[in-house]
């Protein structure tokens, strides 16, 4: 009985410095997509859009009209998943990487410290393994709690604002560019504009048009 009490107490007491992390998805879709990416051919001067379902949902080749574009978004991905996929992403020594990640981590209860650590670790890997690659870290997009399909995501509005500020500082410290998408998608009430979403989290077609127009100037060599 005493041993059981100690075990329970051990789970309840979080040690100093503990940083909760979101687990990598294990869905059939996630495994199929990540496996496919390992087999697709590399190209010269690849421009990689990397992230979760918000990136995954964009038809970037048509939106950006650039044959170098590779969509490496996978629905439900988290920062740990991005680190796990870094070998494939960096294999081609891409010209540019545009990363948007973090909302699924927040929805799964990951700490902001952990999210920042994982993004920072990814940036370090890029700088070490592919020094010529220009890395762009994009802000997490706003959410809209008026929609109910993704309650764990759309309730994170305040956390997103706070985390974006920290991501901007991280980019400054690591000398990579921070692309602040957030103001382009928010209403005066501080939520994701319903013109750009139909579920409060993901983007509709008009939302992708806005995003692609923001990105176009950064595609130039």
Protein backbone atom coordinates (compact mmCIF):
# COMPACT_ATOMS: atom_id res chain seq x y z
CA UNK A 1 0.00 0.00 0.00
CA UNK A 2 2.85 2.35 0.89
CA UNK A 3 4.53 1.58 -2.45
CA UNK A 4 1.32 2.37 -4.33
CA UNK A 5 1.01 5.69 -2.49
CA UNK A 6 4.59 6.59 -3.42
CA UNK A 7 3.97 5.74 -7.06
CA UNK A 8 0.84 7.91 -7.15
CA UNK A 9 2.69 10.73 -5.44
CA UNK A 10 5.47 10.44 -8.02
CA UNK A 11 2.99 11.00 -10.83
CA UNK A 12 1.38 13.95 -9.07
CA UNK A 13 4.59 15.80 -8.24
CA UNK A 14 6.14 17.30 -11.37
CA UNK A 15 9.89 17.69 -10.95
CA UNK A 16 11.53 21.11 -11.48
CA UNK A 17 12.29 21.78 -15.12
CA UNK A 18 9.82 19.15 -16.36
CA UNK A 19 8.50 20.10 -19.77
CA UNK A 20 5.44 18.26 -21.04
CA UNK A 21 5.65 17.16 -24.67
CA UNK A 22 2.97 16.28 -27.22
CA UNK A 23 3.28 12.74 -28.58
CA UNK A 24 3.89 12.19 -32.28
CA UNK A 25 0.68 11.11 -34.07
CA UNK A 26 0.27 7.42 -34.81
CA UNK A 27 -2.63 7.56 -37.25
CA UNK A 28 -2.64 5.59 -40.49
CA UNK A 29 -2.72 8.87 -42.42
CA UNK A 30 0.29 10.27 -40.57
CA UNK A 31 2.36 7.12 -41.07
CA UNK A 32 1.39 6.88 -44.74
CA UNK A 33 2.32 10.49 -45.47
CA UNK A 34 5.62 10.44 -43.59
CA UNK A 35 6.56 7.18 -45.32
CA UNK A 36 5.68 8.59 -48.74
CA UNK A 37 7.87 11.65 -48.20
CA UNK A 38 10.90 9.41 -47.66
CA UNK A 39 10.46 7.91 -51.15
CA UNK A 40 9.70 11.04 -53.15
CA UNK A 41 12.64 12.31 -55.23
CA UNK A 42 14.65 15.32 -54.17
CA UNK A 43 15.00 18.30 -56.49
CA UNK A 44 17.39 21.21 -56.84
CA UNK A 45 16.73 24.29 -54.72
CA UNK A 46 13.67 22.86 -53.02
CA UNK A 47 11.38 25.21 -51.13
CA UNK A 48 9.72 23.22 -48.37
CA UNK A 49 6.53 24.15 -46.57
CA UNK A 50 6.61 22.19 -43.35
CA UNK A 51 3.96 21.78 -40.68
CA UNK A 52 0.65 20.23 -39.72
CA UNK A 53 -2.82 20.08 -41.32
CA UNK A 54 -2.88 23.82 -41.94
CA UNK A 55 0.12 23.45 -44.26
CA UNK A 56 -1.02 20.03 -45.48
CA UNK A 57 -4.32 21.49 -46.70
CA UNK A 58 -2.77 23.95 -49.14
CA UNK A 59 -2.30 23.13 -52.81
CA UNK A 60 0.95 25.07 -52.74
CA UNK A 61 2.22 24.21 -56.19
CA UNK A 62 -0.80 25.89 -57.76
CA UNK A 63 -1.08 28.65 -55.17
CA UNK A 64 2.55 29.75 -55.52
CA UNK A 65 3.22 28.69 -59.12
CA UNK A 66 6.75 27.61 -58.33
CA UNK A 67 8.01 24.15 -59.39
CA UNK A 68 10.46 24.06 -56.49
CA UNK A 69 7.66 23.97 -53.90
CA UNK A 70 7.31 20.80 -51.80
CA UNK A 71 4.41 20.41 -49.36
CA UNK A 72 5.67 18.56 -46.29
CA UNK A 73 2.73 19.26 -44.02
CA UNK A 74 1.05 16.33 -42.29
CA UNK A 75 -2.27 16.60 -40.49
CA UNK A 76 -2.00 16.45 -36.67
CA UNK A 77 1.77 16.90 -36.61
CA UNK A 78 3.53 18.38 -33.59
CA UNK A 79 6.98 19.82 -32.94
CA UNK A 80 8.41 16.42 -31.98
CA UNK A 81 7.11 15.03 -35.26
CA UNK A 82 8.93 17.77 -37.15
CA UNK A 83 12.17 16.79 -35.42
CA UNK A 84 11.56 13.14 -36.26
CA UNK A 85 11.08 14.08 -39.92
CA UNK A 86 14.10 16.36 -40.13
CA UNK A 87 16.31 13.78 -41.89
CA UNK A 88 13.95 13.62 -44.85
CA UNK A 89 13.38 17.38 -44.92
CA UNK A 90 17.08 18.21 -44.89
CA UNK A 91 18.25 15.44 -47.22
CA UNK A 92 17.92 17.67 -50.31
CA UNK A 93 19.68 20.60 -48.63
CA UNK A 94 16.68 22.81 -49.48
CA UNK A 95 16.98 26.43 -50.49
CA UNK A 96 14.26 27.54 -48.08
CA UNK A 97 12.07 26.07 -45.35
CA UNK A 98 8.84 27.67 -44.14
CA UNK A 99 7.75 26.12 -40.84
CA UNK A 100 4.38 26.57 -39.14
CA UNK A 101 3.88 24.34 -36.10
CA UNK A 102 2.63 24.44 -32.52
CA UNK A 103 -1.18 24.55 -32.34
CA UNK A 104 -1.50 20.77 -31.96
CA UNK A 105 1.14 20.82 -29.23
CA UNK A 106 -0.93 23.37 -27.31
CA UNK A 107 -4.12 21.37 -27.82
CA UNK A 108 -2.39 18.26 -26.42
CA UNK A 109 -1.20 20.11 -23.33
CA UNK A 110 2.46 20.54 -24.26
CA UNK A 111 4.29 23.29 -22.43
CA UNK A 112 5.36 26.38 -24.29
CA UNK A 113 8.89 25.70 -23.09
CA UNK A 114 8.86 22.34 -24.85
CA UNK A 115 7.44 23.79 -28.07
CA UNK A 116 10.15 26.44 -28.14
CA UNK A 117 12.87 23.91 -27.34
CA UNK A 118 11.79 21.68 -30.23
CA UNK A 119 11.58 24.55 -32.70
CA UNK A 120 14.99 25.74 -31.56
CA UNK A 121 16.44 22.25 -31.94
CA UNK A 122 15.07 22.05 -35.47
CA UNK A 123 16.63 25.40 -36.38
CA UNK A 124 19.98 24.23 -35.00
CA UNK A 125 19.79 21.09 -37.14
CA UNK A 126 19.09 23.13 -40.25
CA UNK A 127 22.01 25.44 -39.55
CA UNK A 128 24.33 22.49 -38.90
CA UNK A 129 23.28 20.09 -41.66
CA UNK A 130 22.23 22.52 -44.40
CA UNK A 131 23.89 25.89 -43.76
CA UNK A 132 22.72 27.43 -47.02
CA UNK A 133 19.04 26.87 -46.17
CA UNK A 134 17.04 29.98 -45.32
CA UNK A 135 14.66 29.16 -42.48
CA UNK A 136 11.41 31.05 -41.94
CA UNK A 137 9.42 30.38 -38.78
CA UNK A 138 5.81 31.42 -39.22
CA UNK A 139 3.58 32.53 -36.38
CA UNK A 140 0.80 30.25 -35.22
CA UNK A 141 -2.48 31.40 -36.74
CA UNK A 142 -5.36 32.68 -34.61
CA UNK A 143 -8.33 30.45 -33.78
CA UNK A 144 -12.03 31.15 -33.38
CA UNK A 145 -13.89 29.74 -30.34
CA UNK A 146 -17.28 30.39 -31.93
CA UNK A 147 -16.80 27.07 -33.73
CA UNK A 148 -17.09 23.79 -31.84
CA UNK A 149 -15.40 21.15 -34.01
CA UNK A 150 -11.98 21.47 -32.33
CA UNK A 151 -12.60 22.64 -28.75
CA UNK A 152 -9.09 21.87 -27.50
CA UNK A 153 -7.61 23.98 -30.28
CA UNK A 154 -9.97 26.94 -30.53
CA UNK A 155 -9.75 27.57 -26.78
CA UNK A 156 -6.03 28.41 -27.06
CA UNK A 157 -6.35 31.99 -28.30
CA UNK A 158 -4.49 33.63 -25.42
CA UNK A 159 -1.81 30.94 -25.37
CA UNK A 160 -1.21 31.47 -29.09
CA UNK A 161 -0.61 35.19 -28.59
CA UNK A 162 1.84 34.49 -25.78
CA UNK A 163 3.65 31.72 -27.65
CA UNK A 164 3.96 33.79 -30.83
CA UNK A 165 5.78 36.49 -28.87
CA UNK A 166 8.20 33.88 -27.58
CA UNK A 167 8.69 32.39 -31.05
CA UNK A 168 9.52 35.87 -32.38
CA UNK A 169 12.16 36.29 -29.67
CA UNK A 170 13.55 32.83 -30.39
CA UNK A 171 13.92 33.72 -34.07
CA UNK A 172 15.69 36.92 -33.14
CA UNK A 173 18.10 35.06 -30.87
CA UNK A 174 18.79 32.37 -33.48
CA UNK A 175 19.08 34.79 -36.41
CA UNK A 176 16.26 33.32 -38.49
CA UNK A 177 13.34 35.18 -40.00
CA UNK A 178 10.00 35.31 -38.20
CA UNK A 179 6.98 35.66 -40.48
CA UNK A 180 4.09 37.09 -38.52
CA UNK A 181 1.01 35.75 -40.30
CA UNK A 182 -1.24 36.36 -37.30
CA UNK A 183 -2.36 39.96 -38.00
CA UNK A 184 -3.54 39.09 -41.50
CA UNK A 185 -6.09 36.57 -40.24
CA UNK A 186 -7.54 38.16 -37.12
CA UNK A 187 -10.68 40.22 -36.60
CA UNK A 188 -11.01 43.29 -34.38
CA UNK A 189 -12.41 40.93 -31.75
CA UNK A 190 -9.16 38.98 -31.69
CA UNK A 191 -10.30 35.75 -33.36
CA UNK A 192 -9.67 33.97 -36.65
CA UNK A 193 -11.70 35.78 -39.28
CA UNK A 194 -14.71 33.67 -40.34
CA UNK A 195 -14.02 34.78 -43.91
CA UNK A 196 -10.95 32.53 -43.81
CA UNK A 197 -12.23 29.45 -42.00
CA UNK A 198 -15.23 27.13 -41.71
CA UNK A 199 -14.23 25.37 -38.48
CA UNK A 200 -12.33 27.95 -36.41
CA UNK A 201 -8.97 26.27 -36.92
CA UNK A 202 -8.26 25.37 -40.54
CA UNK A 203 -8.18 27.74 -43.48
CA UNK A 204 -10.71 27.96 -46.28
CA UNK A 205 -9.71 28.73 -49.86
CA UNK A 206 -9.74 32.49 -49.28
CA UNK A 207 -7.46 31.99 -46.28
CA UNK A 208 -4.91 30.14 -48.40
CA UNK A 209 -5.00 32.94 -50.96
CA UNK A 210 -4.09 35.44 -48.23
CA UNK A 211 -1.29 33.20 -46.94
CA UNK A 212 0.15 32.56 -50.39
CA UNK A 213 0.27 36.28 -51.15
CA UNK A 214 2.25 36.82 -47.93
CA UNK A 215 4.74 34.12 -48.92
CA UNK A 216 5.34 35.07 -52.54
CA UNK A 217 7.90 37.84 -51.91
CA UNK A 218 9.98 35.41 -49.81
CA UNK A 219 10.27 32.86 -52.62
CA UNK A 220 12.60 35.03 -54.65
CA UNK A 221 16.26 33.96 -54.56
